[in-house]
Amino acid sequence: HESEAPYFQCGTKPVVRALAGGNVGLAICRDLKFPEHAAALSKLSSTVYACSALVEPSAYKRDCSFLQSYAVKHSMAVVLANYASKSGDLVPIGRSCVWAANGDKVAS
């Protein structure tokens, strides 16, 4: 998004950070639409796929389906931290979620 350009730049490889209790693979809005991104983080031993995003109501069900499938396919917990207030012309739905590594939704 053009409004993010002053603050972010595209990376060249997946990012995983070791934290107490596991390895966290980092993702942003667009990443969640690419199964290969989740697969790459899994190959780097991620135990958690953490995605910060701005998901609008029209895309929420679809995007949650992607994220839940990553939990199941890669046996890693998945966290969606969804933006909750208007940003420019975009109006997100909020409703952040967490899925266990088996795909069960454990928090929303």
N, C-alpha and C. Protein backbone atom coordinates (compact mmCIF):
# COMPACT_ATOMS: atom_id res chain seq x y z
N HIS A 1 0.84 -1.18 0.00
CA HIS A 1 0.00 0.00 0.00
C HIS A 1 0.88 1.24 0.00
N GLU A 2 0.48 2.21 -0.76
CA GLU A 2 1.27 3.44 -0.89
C GLU A 2 1.46 4.14 0.46
N SER A 3 0.45 4.09 1.33
CA SER A 3 0.54 4.77 2.62
C SER A 3 1.57 4.13 3.55
N GLU A 4 1.95 2.88 3.27
CA GLU A 4 2.93 2.18 4.11
C GLU A 4 4.37 2.40 3.64
N ALA A 5 4.54 2.88 2.42
CA ALA A 5 5.87 3.01 1.83
C ALA A 5 6.88 3.78 2.69
N PRO A 6 6.48 4.85 3.39
CA PRO A 6 7.48 5.56 4.21
C PRO A 6 7.97 4.73 5.41
N TYR A 7 7.24 3.70 5.78
CA TYR A 7 7.55 2.97 7.01
C TYR A 7 8.07 1.55 6.79
N PHE A 8 7.77 0.97 5.65
CA PHE A 8 8.12 -0.43 5.39
C PHE A 8 8.75 -0.59 4.03
N GLN A 9 9.55 -1.64 3.89
CA GLN A 9 10.06 -2.03 2.59
C GLN A 9 10.01 -3.54 2.48
N CYS A 10 9.88 -4.03 1.26
CA CYS A 10 9.77 -5.47 1.05
C CYS A 10 11.06 -6.16 1.47
N GLY A 11 10.88 -7.29 2.12
CA GLY A 11 12.02 -8.10 2.48
C GLY A 11 12.39 -9.04 1.35
N THR A 12 13.51 -9.72 1.52
CA THR A 12 13.97 -10.64 0.49
C THR A 12 13.91 -12.09 0.94
N LYS A 13 13.59 -12.31 2.22
CA LYS A 13 13.50 -13.67 2.74
C LYS A 13 12.55 -13.70 3.94
N PRO A 14 12.01 -14.87 4.25
CA PRO A 14 11.12 -14.99 5.42
C PRO A 14 11.88 -14.68 6.71
N VAL A 15 11.14 -14.16 7.69
CA VAL A 15 11.75 -13.79 8.97
C VAL A 15 11.16 -14.62 10.10
N VAL A 16 12.04 -15.26 10.87
CA VAL A 16 11.65 -16.04 12.04
C VAL A 16 12.45 -15.51 13.22
N ARG A 17 11.76 -15.30 14.34
CA ARG A 17 12.40 -14.83 15.57
C ARG A 17 12.21 -15.85 16.67
N ALA A 18 13.30 -16.18 17.35
CA ALA A 18 13.22 -17.12 18.47
C ALA A 18 12.76 -16.36 19.70
N LEU A 19 11.69 -16.85 20.31
CA LEU A 19 11.16 -16.29 21.55
C LEU A 19 11.01 -17.42 22.55
N ALA A 20 10.84 -17.08 23.80
CA ALA A 20 10.63 -18.11 24.82
C ALA A 20 9.46 -19.00 24.39
N GLY A 21 9.70 -20.28 24.32
CA GLY A 21 8.63 -21.21 24.00
C GLY A 21 8.47 -21.54 22.53
N GLY A 22 9.20 -20.89 21.64
CA GLY A 22 9.06 -21.25 20.23
C GLY A 22 9.65 -20.24 19.28
N ASN A 23 9.54 -20.58 18.00
CA ASN A 23 10.03 -19.70 16.93
C ASN A 23 8.83 -19.08 16.24
N VAL A 24 8.84 -17.77 16.10
CA VAL A 24 7.72 -17.04 15.53
C VAL A 24 8.06 -16.57 14.12
N GLY A 25 7.29 -17.05 13.15
CA GLY A 25 7.42 -16.60 11.78
C GLY A 25 6.55 -15.37 11.57
N LEU A 26 7.12 -14.34 10.99
CA LEU A 26 6.42 -13.06 10.85
C LEU A 26 5.80 -12.90 9.47
N ALA A 27 4.59 -12.36 9.47
CA ALA A 27 3.86 -12.13 8.22
C ALA A 27 3.07 -10.83 8.33
N ILE A 28 2.82 -10.22 7.17
CA ILE A 28 1.96 -9.04 7.11
C ILE A 28 0.82 -9.32 6.14
N CYS A 29 -0.04 -8.35 6.00
CA CYS A 29 -1.28 -8.47 5.20
C CYS A 29 -1.15 -9.35 3.97
N ARG A 30 -0.37 -8.93 3.06
CA ARG A 30 -0.30 -9.61 1.75
C ARG A 30 0.27 -11.02 1.86
N ASP A 31 1.19 -11.22 2.79
CA ASP A 31 1.82 -12.54 2.95
C ASP A 31 0.79 -13.64 3.17
N LEU A 32 -0.28 -13.34 3.88
CA LEU A 32 -1.22 -14.39 4.26
C LEU A 32 -1.92 -15.02 3.08
N LYS A 33 -1.88 -14.38 1.93
CA LYS A 33 -2.53 -14.91 0.74
C LYS A 33 -1.65 -15.91 -0.03
N PHE A 34 -0.43 -16.12 0.44
CA PHE A 34 0.52 -16.96 -0.28
C PHE A 34 0.92 -18.17 0.56
N PRO A 35 0.37 -19.36 0.24
CA PRO A 35 0.71 -20.57 1.00
C PRO A 35 2.21 -20.84 1.04
N GLU A 36 2.91 -20.45 -0.01
CA GLU A 36 4.36 -20.68 -0.03
C GLU A 36 5.10 -19.87 1.04
N HIS A 37 4.52 -18.75 1.47
CA HIS A 37 5.13 -17.97 2.54
C HIS A 37 5.03 -18.74 3.86
N ALA A 38 3.86 -19.28 4.15
CA ALA A 38 3.70 -20.09 5.37
C ALA A 38 4.60 -21.32 5.31
N ALA A 39 4.70 -21.94 4.14
CA ALA A 39 5.56 -23.12 3.99
C ALA A 39 7.02 -22.78 4.26
N ALA A 40 7.46 -21.64 3.76
CA ALA A 40 8.86 -21.22 3.98
C ALA A 40 9.13 -20.98 5.46
N LEU A 41 8.18 -20.37 6.16
CA LEU A 41 8.35 -20.15 7.60
C LEU A 41 8.37 -21.47 8.35
N SER A 42 7.54 -22.40 7.92
CA SER A 42 7.52 -23.72 8.54
C SER A 42 8.86 -24.43 8.36
N LYS A 43 9.43 -24.34 7.16
CA LYS A 43 10.73 -24.96 6.89
C LYS A 43 11.85 -24.36 7.74
N LEU A 44 11.62 -23.13 8.20
CA LEU A 44 12.60 -22.46 9.08
C LEU A 44 12.28 -22.72 10.55
N SER A 45 11.49 -23.75 10.82
CA SER A 45 11.16 -24.21 12.18
C SER A 45 10.24 -23.29 12.96
N SER A 46 9.39 -22.55 12.27
CA SER A 46 8.40 -21.72 12.98
C SER A 46 7.42 -22.62 13.70
N THR A 47 7.13 -22.28 14.94
CA THR A 47 6.08 -22.96 15.69
C THR A 47 4.84 -22.07 15.78
N VAL A 48 5.02 -20.81 15.41
CA VAL A 48 3.92 -19.84 15.39
C VAL A 48 4.03 -19.01 14.11
N TYR A 49 2.89 -18.85 13.42
CA TYR A 49 2.79 -17.96 12.26
C TYR A 49 2.04 -16.74 12.75
N ALA A 50 2.72 -15.61 12.87
CA ALA A 50 2.11 -14.39 13.41
C ALA A 50 1.91 -13.37 12.29
N CYS A 51 0.65 -13.05 12.03
CA CYS A 51 0.33 -12.16 10.92
C CYS A 51 -0.37 -10.89 11.43
N SER A 52 0.24 -9.77 11.15
CA SER A 52 -0.37 -8.47 11.42
C SER A 52 -0.98 -8.00 10.11
N ALA A 53 -2.28 -7.67 10.14
CA ALA A 53 -2.96 -7.36 8.89
C ALA A 53 -4.07 -6.35 9.06
N LEU A 54 -4.54 -5.86 7.93
CA LEU A 54 -5.76 -5.07 7.88
C LEU A 54 -6.69 -5.82 6.93
N VAL A 55 -7.57 -6.61 7.52
CA VAL A 55 -8.50 -7.43 6.74
C VAL A 55 -9.87 -6.78 6.78
N GLU A 56 -10.41 -6.53 5.61
CA GLU A 56 -11.74 -5.93 5.51
C GLU A 56 -12.82 -7.00 5.61
N PRO A 57 -14.05 -6.60 5.95
CA PRO A 57 -15.14 -7.58 6.11
C PRO A 57 -15.31 -8.51 4.92
N SER A 58 -15.18 -7.99 3.72
CA SER A 58 -15.40 -8.82 2.52
C SER A 58 -14.36 -9.92 2.35
N ALA A 59 -13.20 -9.79 2.97
CA ALA A 59 -12.11 -10.77 2.82
C ALA A 59 -11.89 -11.60 4.08
N TYR A 60 -12.59 -11.29 5.15
CA TYR A 60 -12.30 -11.92 6.45
C TYR A 60 -12.45 -13.44 6.43
N LYS A 61 -13.57 -13.93 5.93
CA LYS A 61 -13.82 -15.38 5.93
C LYS A 61 -12.75 -16.09 5.10
N ARG A 62 -12.46 -15.57 3.92
CA ARG A 62 -11.45 -16.17 3.04
C ARG A 62 -10.08 -16.18 3.71
N ASP A 63 -9.68 -15.05 4.27
CA ASP A 63 -8.35 -14.95 4.88
C ASP A 63 -8.23 -15.85 6.11
N CYS A 64 -9.29 -15.94 6.90
CA CYS A 64 -9.27 -16.85 8.05
C CYS A 64 -9.15 -18.30 7.60
N SER A 65 -9.76 -18.62 6.49
CA SER A 65 -9.65 -19.97 5.94
C SER A 65 -8.21 -20.28 5.55
N PHE A 66 -7.54 -19.33 4.90
CA PHE A 66 -6.12 -19.48 4.57
C PHE A 66 -5.32 -19.76 5.85
N LEU A 67 -5.51 -18.91 6.84
CA LEU A 67 -4.71 -19.00 8.06
C LEU A 67 -4.96 -20.32 8.81
N GLN A 68 -6.21 -20.72 8.90
CA GLN A 68 -6.51 -21.98 9.56
C GLN A 68 -5.85 -23.15 8.82
N SER A 69 -5.85 -23.08 7.51
CA SER A 69 -5.22 -24.17 6.73
C SER A 69 -3.71 -24.22 6.96
N TYR A 70 -3.08 -23.07 7.19
CA TYR A 70 -1.64 -23.06 7.47
C TYR A 70 -1.36 -23.74 8.81
N ALA A 71 -2.24 -23.51 9.79
CA ALA A 71 -2.07 -24.17 11.09
C ALA A 71 -2.08 -25.68 10.92
N VAL A 72 -3.07 -26.18 10.20
CA VAL A 72 -3.22 -27.63 10.01
C VAL A 72 -2.08 -28.19 9.17
N LYS A 73 -1.81 -27.59 8.04
CA LYS A 73 -0.81 -28.13 7.11
C LYS A 73 0.59 -28.14 7.70
N HIS A 74 0.92 -27.12 8.49
CA HIS A 74 2.29 -26.98 8.98
C HIS A 74 2.42 -27.25 10.48
N SER A 75 1.33 -27.67 11.11
CA SER A 75 1.33 -27.97 12.56
C SER A 75 1.97 -26.84 13.37
N MET A 76 1.51 -25.63 13.10
CA MET A 76 1.99 -24.48 13.87
C MET A 76 0.79 -23.63 14.28
N ALA A 77 0.91 -23.01 15.44
CA ALA A 77 -0.13 -22.07 15.86
C ALA A 77 -0.13 -20.88 14.90
N VAL A 78 -1.30 -20.28 14.73
CA VAL A 78 -1.42 -19.13 13.84
C VAL A 78 -2.14 -18.01 14.58
N VAL A 79 -1.58 -16.82 14.48
CA VAL A 79 -2.15 -15.64 15.13
C VAL A 79 -2.45 -14.59 14.05
N LEU A 80 -3.67 -14.09 14.05
CA LEU A 80 -4.04 -12.96 13.21
C LEU A 80 -4.29 -11.77 14.12
N ALA A 81 -3.44 -10.77 14.03
CA ALA A 81 -3.65 -9.50 14.72
C ALA A 81 -4.21 -8.54 13.67
N ASN A 82 -5.52 -8.37 13.68
CA ASN A 82 -6.18 -7.58 12.65
C ASN A 82 -6.44 -6.16 13.13
N TYR A 83 -6.13 -5.23 12.26
CA TYR A 83 -6.37 -3.83 12.53
C TYR A 83 -7.84 -3.61 12.88
N ALA A 84 -8.12 -2.65 13.75
CA ALA A 84 -9.50 -2.51 14.24
C ALA A 84 -10.11 -1.13 14.01
N SER A 85 -9.39 -0.22 13.37
CA SER A 85 -10.00 1.08 13.10
C SER A 85 -9.66 1.53 11.68
N LYS A 86 -10.43 2.44 11.16
CA LYS A 86 -10.28 2.91 9.80
C LYS A 86 -8.87 3.42 9.53
N SER A 87 -8.37 3.11 8.34
CA SER A 87 -7.06 3.58 7.91
C SER A 87 -7.22 4.09 6.48
N GLY A 88 -7.25 5.40 6.33
CA GLY A 88 -7.53 5.97 5.02
C GLY A 88 -8.91 5.56 4.57
N ASP A 89 -9.00 4.96 3.37
CA ASP A 89 -10.28 4.49 2.84
C ASP A 89 -10.61 3.07 3.29
N LEU A 90 -9.69 2.41 3.99
CA LEU A 90 -9.89 1.02 4.38
C LEU A 90 -10.56 0.92 5.74
N VAL A 91 -11.56 0.06 5.82
CA VAL A 91 -12.29 -0.15 7.07
C VAL A 91 -12.18 -1.64 7.44
N PRO A 92 -11.32 -1.97 8.39
CA PRO A 92 -11.13 -3.36 8.77
C PRO A 92 -12.27 -3.88 9.64
N ILE A 93 -12.31 -5.17 9.80
CA ILE A 93 -13.35 -5.80 10.60
C ILE A 93 -12.90 -6.04 12.04
N GLY A 94 -11.60 -5.91 12.32
CA GLY A 94 -11.12 -6.27 13.66
C GLY A 94 -11.12 -7.79 13.78
N ARG A 95 -11.64 -8.31 14.88
CA ARG A 95 -11.83 -9.75 15.07
C ARG A 95 -10.53 -10.55 14.92
N SER A 96 -9.51 -10.18 15.65
CA SER A 96 -8.27 -10.95 15.68
C SER A 96 -8.55 -12.36 16.16
N CYS A 97 -7.72 -13.33 15.76
CA CYS A 97 -7.95 -14.75 16.09
C CYS A 97 -6.64 -15.47 16.35
N VAL A 98 -6.78 -16.61 17.02
CA VAL A 98 -5.66 -17.54 17.22
C VAL A 98 -6.17 -18.95 16.93
N TRP A 99 -5.38 -19.69 16.13
CA TRP A 99 -5.68 -21.09 15.86
C TRP A 99 -4.56 -21.94 16.45
N ALA A 100 -4.93 -23.05 17.05
CA ALA A 100 -3.94 -24.02 17.54
C ALA A 100 -3.33 -24.74 16.34
N ALA A 101 -2.26 -25.47 16.58
CA ALA A 101 -1.56 -26.17 15.51
C ALA A 101 -2.41 -27.23 14.82
N ASN A 102 -3.52 -27.62 15.43
CA ASN A 102 -4.43 -28.59 14.79
C ASN A 102 -5.55 -27.91 14.01
N GLY A 103 -5.56 -26.56 14.00
CA GLY A 103 -6.56 -25.80 13.26
C GLY A 103 -7.76 -25.35 14.08
N ASP A 104 -7.84 -25.78 15.33
CA ASP A 104 -8.94 -25.33 16.18
C ASP A 104 -8.76 -23.86 16.54
N LYS A 105 -9.85 -23.08 16.40
CA LYS A 105 -9.80 -21.68 16.84
C LYS A 105 -9.84 -21.66 18.37
N VAL A 106 -8.83 -21.06 18.99
CA VAL A 106 -8.74 -21.07 20.45
C VAL A 106 -8.97 -19.69 21.07
N ALA A 107 -9.00 -18.66 20.23
CA ALA A 107 -9.28 -17.30 20.73
C ALA A 107 -9.74 -16.44 19.57
N SER A 108 -10.65 -15.52 19.89
CA SER A 108 -11.08 -14.53 18.89
C SER A 108 -11.64 -13.32 19.61
